[in-house]
Amino acid sequence: MKMFQYITIDSKGFIEEIWACENCRKKNSIQILKGKWRLIDKCEKADFQCDSCRTMQAGTEQPVLSEKQPEGKTPLF
């Protein structure tokens, strides 16, 4: 499966790196056109799920409790 790595910028100016599959990339084409998603890498034969699909799948399954701290976001400025 083709995967694309993007830097995303939210409304508060924070950036985050995400991986998106072909379907999620098409769903978020407006974000790409507006410059809120910037392509930084791609992988032709990836064997992992994209961040968006993984989040949706986790929402349908039982939540897993962990003590891992959420990753901090880095401000753009």
PDB file of N, CA and C in Angstrom:
ATOM      1  N   MET A   1       0.847  -1.175   0.000  1.00  0.00           N
ATOM      2  CA  MET A   1       0.000   0.000   0.000  1.00  0.00           C
ATOM      3  C   MET A   1       0.893   1.240   0.000  1.00  0.00           C
ATOM      4  N   LYS A   2       0.505   2.235  -0.778  1.00  0.00           N
ATOM      5  CA  LYS A   2       1.235   3.504  -0.804  1.00  0.00           C
ATOM      6  C   LYS A   2       0.897   4.312   0.442  1.00  0.00           C
ATOM      7  N   MET A   3       1.920   4.872   1.053  1.00  0.00           N
ATOM      8  CA  MET A   3       1.741   5.726   2.226  1.00  0.00           C
ATOM      9  C   MET A   3       2.471   7.038   1.975  1.00  0.00           C
ATOM     10  N   PHE A   4       1.923   8.101   2.546  1.00  0.00           N
ATOM     11  CA  PHE A   4       2.475   9.447   2.369  1.00  0.00           C
ATOM     12  C   PHE A   4       2.670  10.080   3.737  1.00  0.00           C
ATOM     13  N   GLN A   5       3.834  10.658   3.977  1.00  0.00           N
ATOM     14  CA  GLN A   5       4.107  11.320   5.248  1.00  0.00           C
ATOM     15  C   GLN A   5       3.955  12.825   5.057  1.00  0.00           C
ATOM     16  N   TYR A   6       3.185  13.415   5.956  1.00  0.00           N
ATOM     17  CA  TYR A   6       2.895  14.849   5.890  1.00  0.00           C
ATOM     18  C   TYR A   6       3.252  15.530   7.200  1.00  0.00           C
ATOM     19  N   ILE A   7       3.568  16.805   7.101  1.00  0.00           N
ATOM     20  CA  ILE A   7       3.614  17.678   8.267  1.00  0.00           C
ATOM     21  C   ILE A   7       2.289  18.416   8.254  1.00  0.00           C
ATOM     22  N   THR A   8       1.543  18.326   9.354  1.00  0.00           N
ATOM     23  CA  THR A   8       0.253  19.013   9.434  1.00  0.00           C
ATOM     24  C   THR A   8       0.376  20.214  10.344  1.00  0.00           C
ATOM     25  N   ILE A   9      -0.385  21.246  10.039  1.00  0.00           N
ATOM     26  CA  ILE A   9      -0.396  22.470  10.840  1.00  0.00           C
ATOM     27  C   ILE A   9      -1.831  22.713  11.267  1.00  0.00           C
ATOM     28  N   ASP A  10      -2.063  22.750  12.593  1.00  0.00           N
ATOM     29  CA  ASP A  10      -3.430  22.990  13.067  1.00  0.00           C
ATOM     30  C   ASP A  10      -3.707  24.490  13.175  1.00  0.00           C
ATOM     31  N   SER A  11      -4.902  24.833  13.603  1.00  0.00           N
ATOM     32  CA  SER A  11      -5.311  26.238  13.658  1.00  0.00           C
ATOM     33  C   SER A  11      -4.509  27.063  14.666  1.00  0.00           C
ATOM     34  N   LYS A  12      -3.885  26.401  15.639  1.00  0.00           N
ATOM     35  CA  LYS A  12      -3.084  27.117  16.642  1.00  0.00           C
ATOM     36  C   LYS A  12      -1.621  27.235  16.242  1.00  0.00           C
ATOM     37  N   GLY A  13      -1.256  26.697  15.079  1.00  0.00           N
ATOM     38  CA  GLY A  13       0.115  26.812  14.598  1.00  0.00           C
ATOM     39  C   GLY A  13       1.024  25.678  15.025  1.00  0.00           C
ATOM     40  N   PHE A  14       0.480  24.623  15.627  1.00  0.00           N
ATOM     41  CA  PHE A  14       1.290  23.487  16.039  1.00  0.00           C
ATOM     42  C   PHE A  14       1.459  22.531  14.871  1.00  0.00           C
ATOM     43  N   ILE A  15       2.645  21.923  14.776  1.00  0.00           N
ATOM     44  CA  ILE A  15       2.902  20.985  13.694  1.00  0.00           C
ATOM     45  C   ILE A  15       3.012  19.569  14.235  1.00  0.00           C
ATOM     46  N   GLU A  16       2.694  18.613  13.364  1.00  0.00           N
ATOM     47  CA  GLU A  16       2.755  17.205  13.720  1.00  0.00           C
ATOM     48  C   GLU A  16       3.039  16.415  12.450  1.00  0.00           C
ATOM     49  N   GLU A  17       3.816  15.346  12.551  1.00  0.00           N
ATOM     50  CA  GLU A  17       4.082  14.481  11.412  1.00  0.00           C
ATOM     51  C   GLU A  17       3.105  13.314  11.446  1.00  0.00           C
ATOM     52  N   ILE A  18       2.461  13.038  10.309  1.00  0.00           N
ATOM     53  CA  ILE A  18       1.528  11.920  10.217  1.00  0.00           C
ATOM     54  C   ILE A  18       1.785  11.134   8.940  1.00  0.00           C
ATOM     55  N   TRP A  19       1.353   9.871   8.945  1.00  0.00           N
ATOM     56  CA  TRP A  19       1.348   9.043   7.749  1.00  0.00           C
ATOM     57  C   TRP A  19      -0.083   8.902   7.297  1.00  0.00           C
ATOM     58  N   ALA A  20      -0.341   9.014   5.998  1.00  0.00           N
ATOM     59  CA  ALA A  20      -1.692   8.905   5.448  1.00  0.00           C
ATOM     60  C   ALA A  20      -1.691   7.915   4.286  1.00  0.00           C
ATOM     61  N   CYS A  21      -2.726   7.079   4.236  1.00  0.00           N
ATOM     62  CA  CYS A  21      -2.877   6.148   3.115  1.00  0.00           C
ATOM     63  C   CYS A  21      -3.488   6.905   1.931  1.00  0.00           C
ATOM     64  N   GLU A  22      -3.628   6.223   0.827  1.00  0.00           N
ATOM     65  CA  GLU A  22      -4.175   6.842  -0.396  1.00  0.00           C
ATOM     66  C   GLU A  22      -5.588   7.376  -0.157  1.00  0.00           C
ATOM     67  N   ASN A  23      -6.439   6.590   0.541  1.00  0.00           N
ATOM     68  CA  ASN A  23      -7.822   7.018   0.796  1.00  0.00           C
ATOM     69  C   ASN A  23      -7.880   8.253   1.692  1.00  0.00           C
ATOM     70  N   CYS A  24      -7.120   8.262   2.778  1.00  0.00           N
ATOM     71  CA  CYS A  24      -7.117   9.411   3.686  1.00  0.00           C
ATOM     72  C   CYS A  24      -6.510  10.638   3.018  1.00  0.00           C
ATOM     73  N   ARG A  25      -5.558  10.408   2.145  1.00  0.00           N
ATOM     74  CA  ARG A  25      -4.955  11.515   1.395  1.00  0.00           C
ATOM     75  C   ARG A  25      -6.012  12.187   0.513  1.00  0.00           C
ATOM     76  N   LYS A  26      -6.838  11.368  -0.138  1.00  0.00           N
ATOM     77  CA  LYS A  26      -7.890  11.915  -1.001  1.00  0.00           C
ATOM     78  C   LYS A  26      -8.968  12.616  -0.185  1.00  0.00           C
ATOM     79  N   LYS A  27      -9.296  12.072   0.988  1.00  0.00           N
ATOM     80  CA  LYS A  27     -10.311  12.682   1.856  1.00  0.00           C
ATOM     81  C   LYS A  27      -9.874  14.057   2.350  1.00  0.00           C
ATOM     82  N   ASN A  28      -8.575  14.251   2.498  1.00  0.00           N
ATOM     83  CA  ASN A  28      -8.040  15.501   3.030  1.00  0.00           C
ATOM     84  C   ASN A  28      -7.385  16.357   1.950  1.00  0.00           C
ATOM     85  N   SER A  29      -7.830  16.224   0.711  1.00  0.00           N
ATOM     86  CA  SER A  29      -7.220  16.981  -0.381  1.00  0.00           C
ATOM     87  C   SER A  29      -7.363  18.492  -0.189  1.00  0.00           C
ATOM     88  N   ILE A  30      -8.429  18.932   0.455  1.00  0.00           N
ATOM     89  CA  ILE A  30      -8.601  20.370   0.719  1.00  0.00           C
ATOM     90  C   ILE A  30      -7.485  20.866   1.649  1.00  0.00           C
ATOM     91  N   GLN A  31      -7.141  20.068   2.667  1.00  0.00           N
ATOM     92  CA  GLN A  31      -6.066  20.451   3.588  1.00  0.00           C
ATOM     93  C   GLN A  31      -4.733  20.550   2.844  1.00  0.00           C
ATOM     94  N   ILE A  32      -4.533  19.658   1.890  1.00  0.00           N
ATOM     95  CA  ILE A  32      -3.301  19.672   1.099  1.00  0.00           C
ATOM     96  C   ILE A  32      -3.266  20.913   0.216  1.00  0.00           C
ATOM     97  N   LEU A  33      -4.382  21.215  -0.444  1.00  0.00           N
ATOM     98  CA  LEU A  33      -4.435  22.385  -1.324  1.00  0.00           C
ATOM     99  C   LEU A  33      -4.276  23.697  -0.559  1.00  0.00           C
ATOM    100  N   LYS A  34      -4.795  23.752   0.669  1.00  0.00           N
ATOM    101  CA  LYS A  34      -4.664  24.958   1.487  1.00  0.00           C
ATOM    102  C   LYS A  34      -3.279  25.095   2.115  1.00  0.00           C
ATOM    103  N   GLY A  35      -2.451  24.060   2.005  1.00  0.00           N
ATOM    104  CA  GLY A  35      -1.101  24.112   2.571  1.00  0.00           C
ATOM    105  C   GLY A  35      -1.028  23.709   4.024  1.00  0.00           C
ATOM    106  N   LYS A  36      -2.106  23.152   4.555  1.00  0.00           N
ATOM    107  CA  LYS A  36      -2.094  22.729   5.955  1.00  0.00           C
ATOM    108  C   LYS A  36      -1.467  21.340   6.117  1.00  0.00           C
ATOM    109  N   TRP A  37      -1.385  20.589   5.019  1.00  0.00           N
ATOM    110  CA  TRP A  37      -0.674  19.320   4.983  1.00  0.00           C
ATOM    111  C   TRP A  37       0.448  19.479   3.966  1.00  0.00           C
ATOM    112  N   ARG A  38       1.687  19.228   4.377  1.00  0.00           N
ATOM    113  CA  ARG A  38       2.827  19.359   3.477  1.00  0.00           C
ATOM    114  C   ARG A  38       3.527  18.014   3.353  1.00  0.00           C
ATOM    115  N   LEU A  39       3.629  17.505   2.142  1.00  0.00           N
ATOM    116  CA  LEU A  39       4.250  16.214   1.879  1.00  0.00           C
ATOM    117  C   LEU A  39       5.737  16.281   2.151  1.00  0.00           C
ATOM    118  N   ILE A  40       6.237  15.318   2.935  1.00  0.00           N
ATOM    119  CA  ILE A  40       7.676  15.283   3.211  1.00  0.00           C
ATOM    120  C   ILE A  40       8.305  13.952   2.817  1.00  0.00           C
ATOM    121  N   ASP A  41       7.480  12.884   2.663  1.00  0.00           N
ATOM    122  CA  ASP A  41       8.032  11.579   2.317  1.00  0.00           C
ATOM    123  C   ASP A  41       6.914  10.687   1.803  1.00  0.00           C
ATOM    124  N   LYS A  42       7.286   9.629   1.101  1.00  0.00           N
ATOM    125  CA  LYS A  42       6.298   8.630   0.702  1.00  0.00           C
ATOM    126  C   LYS A  42       6.959   7.261   0.673  1.00  0.00           C
ATOM    127  N   CYS A  43       6.125   6.237   0.785  1.00  0.00           N
ATOM    128  CA  CYS A  43       6.599   4.859   0.825  1.00  0.00           C
ATOM    129  C   CYS A  43       5.724   4.055  -0.121  1.00  0.00           C
ATOM    130  N   GLU A  44       6.322   3.361  -1.066  1.00  0.00           N
ATOM    131  CA  GLU A  44       5.566   2.624  -2.080  1.00  0.00           C
ATOM    132  C   GLU A  44       4.956   1.336  -1.546  1.00  0.00           C
ATOM    133  N   LYS A  45       5.669   0.617  -0.684  1.00  0.00           N
ATOM    134  CA  LYS A  45       5.196  -0.680  -0.197  1.00  0.00           C
ATOM    135  C   LYS A  45       5.218  -0.698   1.326  1.00  0.00           C
ATOM    136  N   ALA A  46       4.302   0.007   1.933  1.00  0.00           N
ATOM    137  CA  ALA A  46       4.248   0.087   3.394  1.00  0.00           C
ATOM    138  C   ALA A  46       3.421  -1.075   3.941  1.00  0.00           C
ATOM    139  N   ASP A  47       3.814  -1.559   5.109  1.00  0.00           N
ATOM    140  CA  ASP A  47       3.076  -2.640   5.751  1.00  0.00           C
ATOM    141  C   ASP A  47       2.510  -2.194   7.100  1.00  0.00           C
ATOM    142  N   PHE A  48       2.131  -0.933   7.193  1.00  0.00           N
ATOM    143  CA  PHE A  48       1.549  -0.392   8.418  1.00  0.00           C
ATOM    144  C   PHE A  48       0.340   0.465   8.069  1.00  0.00           C
ATOM    145  N   GLN A  49      -0.521   0.702   9.064  1.00  0.00           N
ATOM    146  CA  GLN A  49      -1.721   1.513   8.852  1.00  0.00           C
ATOM    147  C   GLN A  49      -1.395   2.988   8.972  1.00  0.00           C
ATOM    148  N   CYS A  50      -2.191   3.795   8.307  1.00  0.00           N
ATOM    149  CA  CYS A  50      -1.997   5.235   8.443  1.00  0.00           C
ATOM    150  C   CYS A  50      -2.546   5.692   9.799  1.00  0.00           C
ATOM    151  N   ASP A  51      -2.142   6.876  10.226  1.00  0.00           N
ATOM    152  CA  ASP A  51      -2.549   7.390  11.534  1.00  0.00           C
ATOM    153  C   ASP A  51      -4.051   7.585  11.631  1.00  0.00           C
ATOM    154  N   SER A  52      -4.677   8.033  10.560  1.00  0.00           N
ATOM    155  CA  SER A  52      -6.115   8.276  10.575  1.00  0.00           C
ATOM    156  C   SER A  52      -6.897   6.964  10.669  1.00  0.00           C
ATOM    157  N   CYS A  53      -6.504   5.964   9.883  1.00  0.00           N
ATOM    158  CA  CYS A  53      -7.180   4.654   9.920  1.00  0.00           C
ATOM    159  C   CYS A  53      -6.974   3.985  11.275  1.00  0.00           C
ATOM    160  N   ARG A  54      -5.780   4.112  11.844  1.00  0.00           N
ATOM    161  CA  ARG A  54      -5.485   3.525  13.150  1.00  0.00           C
ATOM    162  C   ARG A  54      -6.354   4.171  14.231  1.00  0.00           C
ATOM    163  N   THR A  55      -6.567   5.485  14.146  1.00  0.00           N
ATOM    164  CA  THR A  55      -7.402   6.196  15.107  1.00  0.00           C
ATOM    165  C   THR A  55      -8.851   5.746  14.994  1.00  0.00           C
ATOM    166  N   MET A  56      -9.346   5.592  13.763  1.00  0.00           N
ATOM    167  CA  MET A  56     -10.722   5.142  13.568  1.00  0.00           C
ATOM    168  C   MET A  56     -10.908   3.718  14.074  1.00  0.00           C
ATOM    169  N   GLN A  57      -9.921   2.844  13.839  1.00  0.00           N
ATOM    170  CA  GLN A  57     -10.016   1.469  14.293  1.00  0.00           C
ATOM    171  C   GLN A  57      -9.958   1.400  15.820  1.00  0.00           C
ATOM    172  N   ALA A  58      -9.141   2.238  16.437  1.00  0.00           N
ATOM    173  CA  ALA A  58      -9.050   2.262  17.894  1.00  0.00           C
ATOM    174  C   ALA A  58     -10.351   2.740  18.515  1.00  0.00           C
ATOM    175  N   GLY A  59     -11.086   3.602  17.823  1.00  0.00           N
ATOM    176  CA  GLY A  59     -12.359   4.093  18.326  1.00  0.00           C
ATOM    177  C   GLY A  59     -13.422   3.016  18.353  1.00  0.00           C
ATOM    178  N   THR A  60     -13.324   2.018  17.469  1.00  0.00           N
ATOM    179  CA  THR A  60     -14.309   0.943  17.435  1.00  0.00           C
ATOM    180  C   THR A  60     -13.949  -0.193  18.373  1.00  0.00           C
ATOM    181  N   GLU A  61     -12.675  -0.298  18.747  1.00  0.00           N
ATOM    182  CA  GLU A  61     -12.240  -1.334  19.671  1.00  0.00           C
ATOM    183  C   GLU A  61     -12.256  -0.792  21.091  1.00  0.00           C
ATOM    184  N   GLN A  62     -12.051  -1.690  22.052  1.00  0.00           N
ATOM    185  CA  GLN A  62     -11.980  -1.263  23.442  1.00  0.00           C
ATOM    186  C   GLN A  62     -10.698  -0.461  23.639  1.00  0.00           C
ATOM    187  N   PRO A  63     -10.766   0.608  24.400  1.00  0.00           N
ATOM    188  CA  PRO A  63      -9.558   1.416  24.614  1.00  0.00           C
ATOM    189  C   PRO A  63      -8.520   0.651  25.435  1.00  0.00           C
ATOM    190  N   VAL A  64      -7.286   0.818  25.062  1.00  0.00           N
ATOM    191  CA  VAL A  64      -6.180   0.190  25.763  1.00  0.00           C
ATOM    192  C   VAL A  64      -5.580   1.235  26.692  1.00  0.00           C
ATOM    193  N   LEU A  65      -5.479   0.908  27.955  1.00  0.00           N
ATOM    194  CA  LEU A  65      -4.909   1.842  28.922  1.00  0.00           C
ATOM    195  C   LEU A  65      -3.402   1.686  28.935  1.00  0.00           C
ATOM    196  N   SER A  66      -2.713   2.782  28.839  1.00  0.00           N
ATOM    197  CA  SER A  66      -1.258   2.757  28.920  1.00  0.00           C
ATOM    198  C   SER A  66      -0.797   3.978  29.686  1.00  0.00           C
ATOM    199  N   GLU A  67       0.407   3.889  30.180  1.00  0.00           N
ATOM    200  CA  GLU A  67       0.968   5.003  30.941  1.00  0.00           C
ATOM    201  C   GLU A  67       1.853   5.874  30.069  1.00  0.00           C
ATOM    202  N   LYS A  68       1.835   5.640  28.770  1.00  0.00           N
ATOM    203  CA  LYS A  68       2.650   6.435  27.859  1.00  0.00           C
ATOM    204  C   LYS A  68       2.122   7.860  27.798  1.00  0.00           C
ATOM    205  N   GLN A  69       3.007   8.810  27.944  1.00  0.00           N
ATOM    206  CA  GLN A  69       2.652  10.213  27.851  1.00  0.00           C
ATOM    207  C   GLN A  69       2.381  10.557  26.396  1.00  0.00           C
ATOM    208  N   PRO A  70       1.380  11.369  26.108  1.00  0.00           N
ATOM    209  CA  PRO A  70       1.152  11.779  24.725  1.00  0.00           C
ATOM    210  C   PRO A  70       2.318  12.620  24.227  1.00  0.00           C
ATOM    211  N   GLU A  71       2.624  12.453  22.960  1.00  0.00           N
ATOM    212  CA  GLU A  71       3.723  13.219  22.385  1.00  0.00           C
ATOM    213  C   GLU A  71       3.361  14.693  22.353  1.00  0.00           C
ATOM    214  N   GLY A  72       4.305  15.519  22.700  1.00  0.00           N
ATOM    215  CA  GLY A  72       4.077  16.959  22.685  1.00  0.00           C
ATOM    216  C   GLY A  72       4.086  17.492  21.271  1.00  0.00           C
ATOM    217  N   LYS A  73       3.356  18.532  21.042  1.00  0.00           N
ATOM    218  CA  LYS A  73       3.337  19.162  19.734  1.00  0.00           C
ATOM    219  C   LYS A  73       4.349  20.306  19.730  1.00  0.00           C
ATOM    220  N   THR A  74       4.920  20.535  18.608  1.00  0.00           N
ATOM    221  CA  THR A  74       5.901  21.595  18.467  1.00  0.00           C
ATOM    222  C   THR A  74       5.254  22.783  17.773  1.00  0.00           C
ATOM    223  N   PRO A  75       5.340  23.969  18.368  1.00  0.00           N
ATOM    224  CA  PRO A  75       4.757  25.137  17.692  1.00  0.00           C
ATOM    225  C   PRO A  75       5.550  25.474  16.432  1.00  0.00           C
ATOM    226  N   LEU A  76       4.854  25.966  15.430  1.00  0.00           N
ATOM    227  CA  LEU A  76       5.494  26.303  14.163  1.00  0.00           C
ATOM    228  C   LEU A  76       6.407  27.507  14.314  1.00  0.00           C
ATOM    229  N   PHE A  77       6.045  28.451  15.141  1.00  0.00           N
ATOM    230  CA  PHE A  77       6.843  29.675  15.296  1.00  0.00           C
ATOM    231  C   PHE A  77       7.672  29.644  16.537  1.00  0.00           C
TER     232      PHE A  77
END
